[in-house]
């Protein structure tokens, strides 16, 4: 198919850096040969932060830099819409808070130019704002006559006051299969390795996990827990090590910092289980769980967002109550006690990943949704 035959799509999305779920998905779309062969694609970077630390940081100098980035992105969007006849505009926006107020003008601009719009929702929180001033009228304006991609039907309750079910299409996240063995390898660690793979955000459950580890240590269990992820403003490496020392977990809980590529893959290859006890308000469909499934790891997580679509309790892991260190310790203990269960659950997770959550699955799903959005009417 030549470029002149391809449908044109403008993607207005956050792109890395910083690296987080939404920006990683957007980058995978940008680099997808399947989508590049099917569509002519242009991109505008919606992110005004360039580091994780900038997301919540407050300073006038940073506000000024973010304002310049916003104006630059908006000007580029205006120029592209004026100079190209796009068949569809795809936006990955924040649906709540100040982030929504920042992103909403991009949606309205696309509509002003008469373009069809599809919004890919990688976050939640709309339900908290829907009855507040400004949001009460701006949310319906943004989402009216717009298709909405959700990662799971479990997330629909968050937007149901604004978005009708017939506007919604479902597309779970998917990731490339970078597991070099392409199988679920049985681990042979003398001491089981627990893996926490996320930035040091308190609501990702990092301190709850430390409390659970303390319980297990006091019961006499032997294990090592590797914490892999970047520092944040609320919890830097020094304070996290202090939290470890306060619980007397030195040598048991080990912080390794941020890791990428093969360095991160080595931790996934070595681990016996992933523990991700998140209660993050914006949690939707964590990619880290898919990474663990890809490597044949059983997963212990919580009932947040669409996680129950990833972790089937008792099949490829366990789902526990958020912020409950005792329940979390019990779930970890069950896997520490049963090596065969770790392997069996890991095999099932790998099977589920291959069936539903590969990049090929995601590319085919999103390609179909984009074609349907171009062909259909936005109602």
Protein backbone atom coordinates (compact mmCIF):
# COMPACT_ATOMS: atom_id res chain seq x y z
CA UNK A 1 0.00 0.00 0.00
CA UNK A 2 1.42 3.38 -0.99
CA UNK A 3 1.32 6.40 1.30
CA UNK A 4 -1.33 7.99 -0.91
CA UNK A 5 -3.61 4.98 -0.31
CA UNK A 6 -3.15 4.95 3.45
CA UNK A 7 -5.59 6.56 5.85
CA UNK A 8 -4.00 9.43 7.78
CA UNK A 9 -4.07 9.52 11.56
CA UNK A 10 -2.78 12.21 13.90
CA UNK A 11 -1.60 10.77 17.24
CA UNK A 12 -1.53 13.25 20.12
CA UNK A 13 -0.02 11.26 22.96
CA UNK A 14 2.58 11.35 25.73
CA UNK A 15 5.89 9.94 24.52
CA UNK A 16 8.92 8.97 26.64
CA UNK A 17 10.72 10.33 28.49
CA UNK A 18 9.52 9.95 31.16
CA UNK A 19 8.83 6.22 30.95
CA UNK A 20 5.41 5.18 32.28
CA UNK A 21 2.57 2.98 31.05
CA UNK A 22 0.86 5.45 28.72
CA UNK A 23 4.08 6.74 27.14
CA UNK A 24 5.35 3.19 26.59
CA UNK A 25 2.14 2.20 24.81
CA UNK A 26 2.32 5.33 22.65
CA UNK A 27 5.94 4.59 21.77
CA UNK A 28 5.04 1.02 20.79
CA UNK A 29 2.33 2.38 18.48
CA UNK A 30 4.79 4.81 16.94
CA UNK A 31 7.31 2.02 16.27
CA UNK A 32 4.80 -0.64 15.16
CA UNK A 33 5.49 -1.94 11.65
CA UNK A 34 1.91 -3.28 11.50
CA UNK A 35 0.42 0.15 12.13
CA UNK A 36 2.98 2.04 10.03
CA UNK A 37 2.21 -0.25 7.10
CA UNK A 38 -1.53 0.28 7.55
CA UNK A 39 -1.66 4.03 8.22
CA UNK A 40 0.16 7.27 7.56
CA UNK A 41 0.88 8.47 11.08
CA UNK A 42 2.00 11.81 12.53
CA UNK A 43 2.75 12.36 16.22
CA UNK A 44 2.55 15.24 18.68
CA UNK A 45 4.09 14.71 22.13
CA UNK A 46 1.44 15.64 24.68
CA UNK A 47 3.74 15.31 27.70
CA UNK A 48 5.06 18.47 29.32
CA UNK A 49 7.35 16.53 31.70
CA UNK A 50 10.68 15.08 30.64
CA UNK A 51 11.54 13.28 33.91
CA UNK A 52 9.44 11.38 36.45
CA UNK A 53 10.54 13.90 39.08
CA UNK A 54 8.97 16.74 37.06
CA UNK A 55 5.46 15.28 37.16
CA UNK A 56 4.70 16.38 40.73
CA UNK A 57 7.48 18.92 41.25
CA UNK A 58 6.47 22.54 41.81
CA UNK A 59 8.66 25.48 40.83
CA UNK A 60 8.12 28.59 38.73
CA UNK A 61 11.03 27.67 36.46
CA UNK A 62 9.50 24.25 35.78
CA UNK A 63 6.05 25.77 35.23
CA UNK A 64 7.61 28.05 32.62
CA UNK A 65 9.29 25.14 30.82
CA UNK A 66 6.05 23.17 30.86
CA UNK A 67 4.14 26.15 29.49
CA UNK A 68 6.61 26.46 26.60
CA UNK A 69 6.25 22.73 25.85
CA UNK A 70 2.46 23.00 25.96
CA UNK A 71 2.41 25.97 23.59
CA UNK A 72 4.81 24.17 21.26
CA UNK A 73 2.66 21.03 21.18
CA UNK A 74 -0.53 23.04 20.64
CA UNK A 75 1.06 25.08 17.84
CA UNK A 76 2.32 21.91 16.14
CA UNK A 77 -1.16 20.38 16.40
CA UNK A 78 -2.71 23.50 14.83
CA UNK A 79 -0.21 23.42 11.97
CA UNK A 80 -0.69 19.70 11.29
CA UNK A 81 -4.49 19.95 11.34
CA UNK A 82 -4.40 22.95 9.02
CA UNK A 83 -1.95 21.40 6.56
CA UNK A 84 -3.15 17.75 6.50
CA UNK A 85 -6.51 16.11 5.95
CA UNK A 86 -6.56 13.51 8.72
CA UNK A 87 -9.10 10.71 8.69
CA UNK A 88 -8.84 10.34 12.46
CA UNK A 89 -7.29 11.97 15.50
CA UNK A 90 -6.17 9.59 18.24
CA UNK A 91 -5.52 11.12 21.66
CA UNK A 92 -4.27 9.59 24.90
CA UNK A 93 -5.34 12.18 27.46
CA UNK A 94 -5.64 12.48 31.22
CA UNK A 95 -9.30 12.26 32.19
CA UNK A 96 -9.17 14.01 35.57
CA UNK A 97 -7.65 16.89 37.48
CA UNK A 98 -5.35 19.55 36.08
CA UNK A 99 -4.07 17.07 33.49
CA UNK A 100 -7.52 16.96 31.91
CA UNK A 101 -7.70 20.75 31.76
CA UNK A 102 -4.31 20.73 30.00
CA UNK A 103 -5.27 18.03 27.49
CA UNK A 104 -8.88 18.98 26.75
CA UNK A 105 -7.96 21.86 24.37
CA UNK A 106 -6.27 19.35 22.04
CA UNK A 107 -9.47 17.31 21.73
CA UNK A 108 -11.56 20.43 21.16
CA UNK A 109 -9.09 21.65 18.52
CA UNK A 110 -9.40 18.38 16.60
CA UNK A 111 -13.18 18.68 16.74
CA UNK A 112 -13.01 22.32 15.64
CA UNK A 113 -11.25 21.12 12.48
CA UNK A 114 -14.05 18.60 11.94
CA UNK A 115 -11.94 15.49 12.52
CA UNK A 116 -13.18 12.20 13.95
CA UNK A 117 -11.75 11.61 17.40
CA UNK A 118 -10.90 8.50 19.40
CA UNK A 119 -9.60 8.78 22.96
CA UNK A 120 -7.44 5.99 24.38
CA UNK A 121 -7.98 5.99 28.13
CA UNK A 122 -4.87 4.87 30.06
CA UNK A 123 -5.95 6.38 33.38
CA UNK A 124 -8.98 6.81 35.60
CA UNK A 125 -10.35 9.32 38.08
CA UNK A 126 -13.09 10.99 36.02
CA UNK A 127 -15.75 9.93 38.51
CA UNK A 128 -14.19 12.21 41.15
CA UNK A 129 -14.42 15.30 38.94
CA UNK A 130 -17.62 14.81 36.97
CA UNK A 131 -19.80 16.89 39.34
CA UNK A 132 -17.24 19.64 39.99
CA UNK A 133 -17.49 23.11 38.41
CA UNK A 134 -15.82 23.42 34.99
CA UNK A 135 -15.56 19.63 34.66
CA UNK A 136 -19.35 19.33 34.78
CA UNK A 137 -19.64 20.98 31.37
CA UNK A 138 -16.15 20.41 29.93
CA UNK A 139 -16.10 16.60 30.28
CA UNK A 140 -19.29 16.08 28.22
CA UNK A 141 -18.01 18.56 25.63
CA UNK A 142 -14.76 16.62 25.21
CA UNK A 143 -16.31 13.13 25.16
CA UNK A 144 -19.44 13.90 23.12
CA UNK A 145 -19.43 12.25 19.65
CA UNK A 146 -16.15 10.56 20.53
CA UNK A 147 -15.07 6.92 20.54
CA UNK A 148 -13.31 5.81 23.73
CA UNK A 149 -10.84 2.94 24.06
CA UNK A 150 -10.74 1.33 27.49
CA UNK A 151 -8.22 -1.27 28.64
CA UNK A 152 -10.94 -3.28 30.39
CA UNK A 153 -14.69 -3.18 30.97
CA UNK A 154 -13.80 -3.08 34.67
CA UNK A 155 -12.82 0.56 34.09
CA UNK A 156 -16.16 1.63 32.60
CA UNK A 157 -17.72 2.55 35.97
CA UNK A 158 -15.26 5.44 36.18
CA UNK A 159 -16.61 7.12 33.04
CA UNK A 160 -20.22 5.91 32.82
CA UNK A 161 -21.69 9.29 33.85
CA UNK A 162 -20.15 10.89 30.76
CA UNK A 163 -19.59 8.12 28.18
CA UNK A 164 -22.27 5.74 26.87
CA UNK A 165 -21.45 2.03 26.53
CA UNK A 166 -21.91 2.16 22.76
CA UNK A 167 -19.06 4.68 22.52
CA UNK A 168 -16.64 2.24 24.16
CA UNK A 169 -14.21 -0.22 22.57
CA UNK A 170 -11.93 -2.53 24.56
CA UNK A 171 -8.23 -3.00 23.82
CA UNK A 172 -6.03 -4.55 26.55
CA UNK A 173 -2.40 -3.57 26.65
CA UNK A 174 0.18 -5.77 24.97
CA UNK A 175 3.97 -5.90 25.03
CA UNK A 176 6.70 -7.46 22.86
CA UNK A 177 7.78 -10.96 23.86
CA UNK A 178 11.37 -10.35 24.96
CA UNK A 179 11.63 -13.59 26.95
CA UNK A 180 14.69 -15.07 25.27
CA UNK A 181 13.81 -18.64 26.26
CA UNK A 182 10.22 -18.19 24.95
CA UNK A 183 9.08 -20.55 27.70
CA UNK A 184 8.21 -20.52 31.38
CA UNK A 185 11.52 -21.63 32.88
CA UNK A 186 11.49 -23.41 36.23
CA UNK A 187 13.67 -21.49 38.67
CA UNK A 188 16.22 -23.22 40.87
CA UNK A 189 17.12 -20.52 43.39
CA UNK A 190 18.34 -21.87 46.73
CA UNK A 191 16.66 -18.86 48.32
CA UNK A 192 13.42 -17.70 46.60
CA UNK A 193 13.59 -14.27 44.96
CA UNK A 194 10.62 -11.92 45.19
CA UNK A 195 10.54 -9.06 42.68
CA UNK A 196 8.97 -5.61 43.03
CA UNK A 197 9.30 -3.81 39.69
CA UNK A 198 8.02 -0.23 39.76
CA UNK A 199 9.08 3.30 40.58
CA UNK A 200 9.21 4.06 44.31
CA UNK A 201 5.68 5.42 44.60
CA UNK A 202 4.17 4.76 48.02
CA UNK A 203 0.73 3.94 46.60
CA UNK A 204 2.27 1.25 44.39
CA UNK A 205 2.44 -0.68 47.67
CA UNK A 206 6.17 -0.57 48.22
CA UNK A 207 5.94 0.07 51.99
CA UNK A 208 3.07 -2.40 52.39
CA UNK A 209 5.36 -4.99 50.83
CA UNK A 210 8.12 -4.14 53.31
CA UNK A 211 5.64 -4.67 56.15
CA UNK A 212 4.66 -8.05 54.68
CA UNK A 213 8.32 -9.04 54.35
CA UNK A 214 8.86 -8.16 58.02
CA UNK A 215 6.02 -10.51 58.96
CA UNK A 216 7.54 -13.32 56.89
CA UNK A 217 11.01 -12.76 58.31
CA UNK A 218 9.64 -12.98 61.85
CA UNK A 219 8.03 -16.31 60.89
CA UNK A 220 11.46 -17.60 59.90
CA UNK A 221 11.10 -17.61 56.11
CA UNK A 222 14.20 -17.27 53.94
CA UNK A 223 13.93 -15.10 50.82
CA UNK A 224 15.37 -12.10 49.01
CA UNK A 225 13.19 -9.29 47.70
CA UNK A 226 14.64 -7.23 44.85
CA UNK A 227 13.21 -3.73 44.44
CA UNK A 228 13.80 -2.40 40.93
CA UNK A 229 12.58 1.06 39.93
CA UNK A 230 13.33 4.76 39.89
CA UNK A 231 13.36 7.13 42.82
CA UNK A 232 10.53 9.63 43.21
CA UNK A 233 10.02 12.90 45.05
CA UNK A 234 8.00 11.21 47.80
CA UNK A 235 10.38 8.26 48.23
CA UNK A 236 14.01 8.54 47.18
CA UNK A 237 16.61 5.81 47.49
CA UNK A 238 18.01 7.08 50.80
CA UNK A 239 14.63 7.21 52.52
CA UNK A 240 13.69 3.80 51.13
CA UNK A 241 16.85 2.25 52.56
CA UNK A 242 15.93 3.85 55.90
CA UNK A 243 12.52 2.16 55.65
CA UNK A 244 14.31 -1.16 55.06
CA UNK A 245 16.59 -0.60 58.05
CA UNK A 246 13.70 0.42 60.30
CA UNK A 247 12.14 -3.01 59.67
CA UNK A 248 15.51 -4.75 60.04
CA UNK A 249 15.35 -6.16 56.52
CA UNK A 250 18.95 -5.38 55.53
CA UNK A 251 20.27 -8.01 53.12
CA UNK A 252 16.74 -9.33 52.61
CA UNK A 253 15.14 -6.33 50.89
CA UNK A 254 17.59 -4.91 48.34
CA UNK A 255 17.10 -1.71 46.32
CA UNK A 256 18.76 -1.79 42.88
CA UNK A 257 17.53 1.49 41.36
CA UNK A 258 16.09 1.91 37.88
CA UNK A 259 16.97 -0.78 35.32
CA UNK A 260 16.30 -1.00 31.58
CA UNK A 261 16.70 -3.53 28.79
CA UNK A 262 18.77 -6.61 29.55
CA UNK A 263 19.48 -5.46 33.11
CA UNK A 264 15.75 -5.45 33.87
CA UNK A 265 15.23 -8.73 32.01
CA UNK A 266 17.88 -10.38 34.19
CA UNK A 267 15.80 -9.64 37.29
CA UNK A 268 12.69 -11.10 35.61
CA UNK A 269 14.65 -14.22 34.65
CA UNK A 270 15.95 -14.66 38.21
CA UNK A 271 12.75 -13.96 40.14
CA UNK A 272 10.43 -16.64 41.52
CA UNK A 273 7.42 -14.33 41.75
CA UNK A 274 6.31 -10.73 41.13
CA UNK A 275 4.60 -8.90 43.98
CA UNK A 276 2.82 -5.68 43.01
CA UNK A 277 0.49 -4.63 45.88
CA UNK A 278 -0.69 -1.39 44.30
CA UNK A 279 -3.41 0.88 45.59
CA UNK A 280 -2.48 3.70 43.20
CA UNK A 281 -5.63 5.72 42.43
CA UNK A 282 -4.78 5.86 38.73
CA UNK A 283 -3.97 2.15 38.28
CA UNK A 284 -5.57 0.68 35.17
CA UNK A 285 -3.78 -2.20 33.43
CA UNK A 286 -0.18 -2.43 34.66
CA UNK A 287 2.39 -3.42 32.04
CA UNK A 288 4.66 -4.79 34.77
CA UNK A 289 2.20 -7.63 35.36
CA UNK A 290 2.30 -8.50 31.67
CA UNK A 291 6.10 -8.51 31.82
CA UNK A 292 6.00 -10.97 34.71
CA UNK A 293 3.52 -13.21 32.89
CA UNK A 294 5.76 -13.13 29.82
CA UNK A 295 8.60 -14.52 31.93
CA UNK A 296 6.44 -17.20 33.52
CA UNK A 297 6.22 -15.62 36.97
CA UNK A 298 3.26 -16.04 39.31
CA UNK A 299 1.89 -12.62 40.26
CA UNK A 300 0.50 -11.33 43.54
CA UNK A 301 -1.41 -8.07 43.14
CA UNK A 302 -4.60 -6.26 44.16
CA UNK A 303 -8.08 -5.60 42.79
CA UNK A 304 -7.31 -2.21 41.27
CA UNK A 305 -8.39 -1.06 37.80
CA UNK A 306 -8.33 -3.92 35.31
CA UNK A 307 -5.82 -6.09 37.21
CA UNK A 308 -8.33 -8.93 37.60
CA UNK A 309 -8.24 -9.29 33.80
CA UNK A 310 -4.51 -9.97 34.12
CA UNK A 311 -4.32 -11.96 37.35
CA UNK A 312 -6.85 -14.75 37.78
CA UNK A 313 -6.88 -15.53 41.49
CA UNK A 314 -5.60 -19.05 42.11
CA UNK A 315 -4.67 -19.61 38.45
CA UNK A 316 -1.66 -17.46 37.58
CA UNK A 317 -1.30 -15.78 40.96
CA UNK A 318 -3.26 -14.27 43.81
CA UNK A 319 -5.34 -11.10 44.20
CA UNK A 320 -5.30 -9.62 47.71
CA UNK A 321 -6.95 -6.68 49.45
CA UNK A 322 -5.05 -3.39 48.96
CA UNK A 323 -3.05 -2.01 51.90
CA UNK A 324 -3.32 -5.27 53.85
CA UNK A 325 0.18 -6.40 54.81
CA UNK A 326 -1.11 -9.51 56.62
CA UNK A 327 -3.09 -10.74 53.60
CA UNK A 328 -0.14 -9.95 51.36
CA UNK A 329 2.23 -11.89 53.61
CA UNK A 330 -0.16 -14.86 53.57
CA UNK A 331 -0.23 -14.89 49.75
CA UNK A 332 3.56 -14.67 49.50
CA UNK A 333 3.86 -17.42 52.12
CA UNK A 334 1.68 -19.74 50.01
CA UNK A 335 4.09 -19.39 47.10
CA UNK A 336 7.19 -19.65 49.28
CA UNK A 337 5.82 -22.91 50.68
CA UNK A 338 4.99 -24.47 47.31
CA UNK A 339 7.60 -24.46 44.55
CA UNK A 340 5.37 -26.58 42.29
CA UNK A 341 2.55 -24.02 42.58
CA UNK A 342 4.97 -21.25 41.63
CA UNK A 343 5.91 -23.13 38.48
CA UNK A 344 2.34 -24.18 37.58
CA UNK A 345 1.00 -20.65 38.02
CA UNK A 346 3.92 -19.25 36.05
CA UNK A 347 3.20 -21.62 33.17
CA UNK A 348 -0.46 -20.54 33.18
CA UNK A 349 0.55 -16.88 33.20
CA UNK A 350 2.85 -17.43 30.22
CA UNK A 351 0.01 -19.19 28.37
CA UNK A 352 -2.40 -16.32 29.10
CA UNK A 353 0.19 -13.81 27.93
CA UNK A 354 0.72 -15.58 24.60
CA UNK A 355 -3.03 -15.86 24.06
CA UNK A 356 -4.09 -12.30 24.94
CA UNK A 357 -1.35 -9.82 25.74
CA UNK A 358 1.43 -9.96 23.13
CA UNK A 359 2.30 -6.96 21.00
CA UNK A 360 0.82 -8.80 18.01
CA UNK A 361 -2.52 -9.08 19.83
CA UNK A 362 -2.42 -5.40 20.74
CA UNK A 363 -1.42 -4.27 17.23
CA UNK A 364 -4.23 -6.26 15.60
CA UNK A 365 -6.77 -5.01 18.14
CA UNK A 366 -5.78 -1.36 17.82
CA UNK A 367 -5.58 -1.59 14.02
CA UNK A 368 -9.14 -2.92 13.90
CA UNK A 369 -10.36 -0.22 16.27
CA UNK A 370 -8.71 2.55 14.25
CA UNK A 371 -10.21 1.24 11.01
CA UNK A 372 -13.65 0.95 12.62
CA UNK A 373 -13.33 4.48 14.03
CA UNK A 374 -12.47 5.86 10.60
CA UNK A 375 -15.32 3.99 8.92
CA UNK A 376 -17.98 4.63 11.55
CA UNK A 377 -19.80 7.64 12.88
CA UNK A 378 -18.80 9.06 16.25
CA UNK A 379 -21.94 9.07 18.32
